[in-house]
Amino acid sequence: MSKPVPWPSLVAGEEVTIRIPGVSDADTEEGLDLEAATAIEWQLRRCPRKPGQDDDDEDNPVIVAKDLDDGITVDGADILVELEAADTGELAGTYWADCWVTIAGKRRLAKEPAPLEIGKAVNAP
């Protein structure tokens, strides 16, 4: 198994757009028609999501979630995840994020769970 490609490092409390370029199905590596997506979900957790783990798992809950109704847009074959200052303002350390796309009722992993570093803001206590 290959090592997961990390997300870009962030600073707590910064507003940032994360671009997930050239989205393809993690299993088949085929490009996905993001315009046909009925759902796109990006989730941040303390630990990697385990197979079959629910979003509301009390041992590893979703800390930040974005979807098509709140913070996710599509730019051709890319997914854009908009993080606001409040999303990461109280966070620092290593977290794990993943991205899922639902097309024609099938939920597909678009970006494998990978570490995302959030550094303390300058002048933070």
Protein backbone atom coordinates (compact mmCIF):
# COMPACT_ATOMS: atom_id res chain seq x y z
CA MET A 1 0.00 0.00 0.00
CA SER A 2 1.32 3.41 -0.95
CA LYS A 3 1.84 6.18 1.55
CA PRO A 4 -1.03 8.74 1.48
CA VAL A 5 -0.23 12.06 -0.19
CA PRO A 6 -0.59 14.74 2.50
CA TRP A 7 -2.83 17.77 2.18
CA PRO A 8 -1.19 21.19 2.07
CA SER A 9 -0.19 22.56 5.48
CA LEU A 10 -2.43 25.25 6.95
CA VAL A 11 -2.22 27.80 9.73
CA ALA A 12 -4.96 27.87 12.36
CA GLY A 13 -7.50 30.56 11.66
CA GLU A 14 -6.51 31.29 8.07
CA GLU A 15 -9.00 31.50 5.25
CA VAL A 16 -7.86 29.20 2.48
CA THR A 17 -9.09 27.36 -0.57
CA ILE A 18 -7.85 23.80 -0.97
CA ARG A 19 -7.85 22.64 -4.59
CA ILE A 20 -8.19 18.93 -5.28
CA PRO A 21 -7.06 18.75 -8.92
CA GLY A 22 -8.10 16.28 -11.61
CA VAL A 23 -10.47 14.29 -9.42
CA SER A 24 -10.72 10.59 -10.21
CA ASP A 25 -12.19 7.55 -8.48
CA ALA A 26 -9.56 6.30 -5.98
CA ASP A 27 -10.38 2.68 -6.88
CA THR A 28 -10.59 2.85 -10.68
CA GLU A 29 -8.50 6.00 -11.34
CA GLU A 30 -11.12 7.06 -13.91
CA GLY A 31 -11.95 10.75 -14.08
CA LEU A 32 -15.24 11.72 -12.43
CA ASP A 33 -17.86 13.97 -14.02
CA LEU A 34 -18.17 16.37 -11.12
CA GLU A 35 -21.07 18.20 -12.79
CA ALA A 36 -23.11 14.98 -12.31
CA ALA A 37 -22.30 14.81 -8.58
CA THR A 38 -25.27 14.91 -6.25
CA ALA A 39 -22.97 15.20 -3.22
CA ILE A 40 -19.34 16.11 -2.57
CA GLU A 41 -18.11 15.83 1.01
CA TRP A 42 -14.81 16.86 2.57
CA GLN A 43 -14.19 15.81 6.17
CA LEU A 44 -11.50 16.49 8.75
CA ARG A 45 -10.94 14.11 11.69
CA ARG A 46 -8.34 13.53 14.40
CA CYS A 47 -7.47 10.03 13.03
CA PRO A 48 -7.89 8.33 9.65
CA ARG A 49 -11.42 7.12 8.96
CA LYS A 50 -11.68 3.36 9.30
CA PRO A 51 -13.59 1.30 6.71
CA GLY A 52 -17.29 1.39 7.57
CA GLN A 53 -16.84 4.07 10.25
CA ASP A 54 -19.85 6.37 10.62
CA ASP A 55 -19.49 10.15 10.36
CA ASP A 56 -20.84 10.48 13.90
CA ASP A 57 -18.44 7.94 15.44
CA GLU A 58 -17.83 9.26 18.97
CA ASP A 59 -14.25 7.88 19.01
CA ASN A 60 -13.28 9.74 15.82
CA PRO A 61 -15.87 12.41 15.03
CA VAL A 62 -15.83 14.74 12.05
CA ILE A 63 -14.30 18.03 13.27
CA VAL A 64 -14.84 20.09 10.09
CA ALA A 65 -17.17 19.11 7.25
CA LYS A 66 -17.78 20.83 3.93
CA ASP A 67 -20.23 19.92 1.17
CA LEU A 68 -21.86 21.36 -1.95
CA ASP A 69 -24.22 23.43 0.22
CA ASP A 70 -21.44 24.82 2.42
CA GLY A 71 -17.90 25.43 1.22
CA ILE A 72 -17.40 23.16 -1.80
CA THR A 73 -17.50 24.23 -5.42
CA VAL A 74 -16.48 22.56 -8.66
CA ASP A 75 -14.04 24.03 -11.19
CA GLY A 76 -13.96 21.67 -14.19
CA ALA A 77 -12.31 18.47 -12.95
CA ASP A 78 -11.17 20.11 -9.69
CA ILE A 79 -12.91 20.34 -6.32
CA LEU A 80 -12.44 23.55 -4.32
CA VAL A 81 -12.82 23.39 -0.54
CA GLU A 82 -13.27 26.81 1.08
CA LEU A 83 -12.14 26.93 4.71
CA GLU A 84 -13.08 29.96 6.80
CA ALA A 85 -11.06 31.27 9.72
CA ALA A 86 -13.56 29.81 12.20
CA ASP A 87 -13.17 26.31 10.72
CA THR A 88 -9.57 25.92 11.93
CA GLY A 89 -9.24 28.75 14.47
CA GLU A 90 -9.01 26.46 17.50
CA LEU A 91 -7.10 23.63 15.81
CA ALA A 92 -3.38 22.83 15.84
CA GLY A 93 -1.63 19.56 15.11
CA THR A 94 -2.03 16.70 12.67
CA TYR A 95 -5.50 15.80 11.43
CA TRP A 96 -6.76 13.54 8.65
CA ALA A 97 -8.95 14.64 5.77
CA ASP A 98 -10.67 12.84 2.92
CA CYS A 99 -13.04 13.71 0.11
CA TRP A 100 -16.03 11.75 -1.22
CA VAL A 101 -18.13 12.25 -4.38
CA THR A 102 -21.58 10.73 -4.95
CA ILE A 103 -22.64 10.22 -8.58
CA ALA A 104 -25.68 8.20 -9.65
CA GLY A 105 -26.16 7.01 -6.08
CA LYS A 106 -22.62 5.60 -5.76
CA ARG A 107 -20.32 7.18 -3.15
CA ARG A 108 -16.73 7.20 -4.38
CA LEU A 109 -13.52 8.12 -2.60
CA ALA A 110 -12.08 11.07 -4.54
CA LYS A 111 -9.05 11.73 -2.27
CA GLU A 112 -7.75 9.09 0.10
CA PRO A 113 -7.48 9.90 3.80
CA ALA A 114 -4.22 11.76 4.29
CA PRO A 115 -2.59 13.87 6.98
CA LEU A 116 -3.27 17.60 7.13
CA GLU A 117 -1.01 19.71 9.35
CA ILE A 118 -2.46 22.77 11.03
CA GLY A 119 0.13 25.02 12.61
CA LYS A 120 -0.48 27.53 15.39
CA ALA A 121 -1.14 31.04 14.21
CA VAL A 122 1.66 33.56 14.75
CA ASN A 123 1.15 35.34 18.08
CA ALA A 124 -1.23 32.58 19.25
CA PRO A 125 -0.97 31.68 22.94
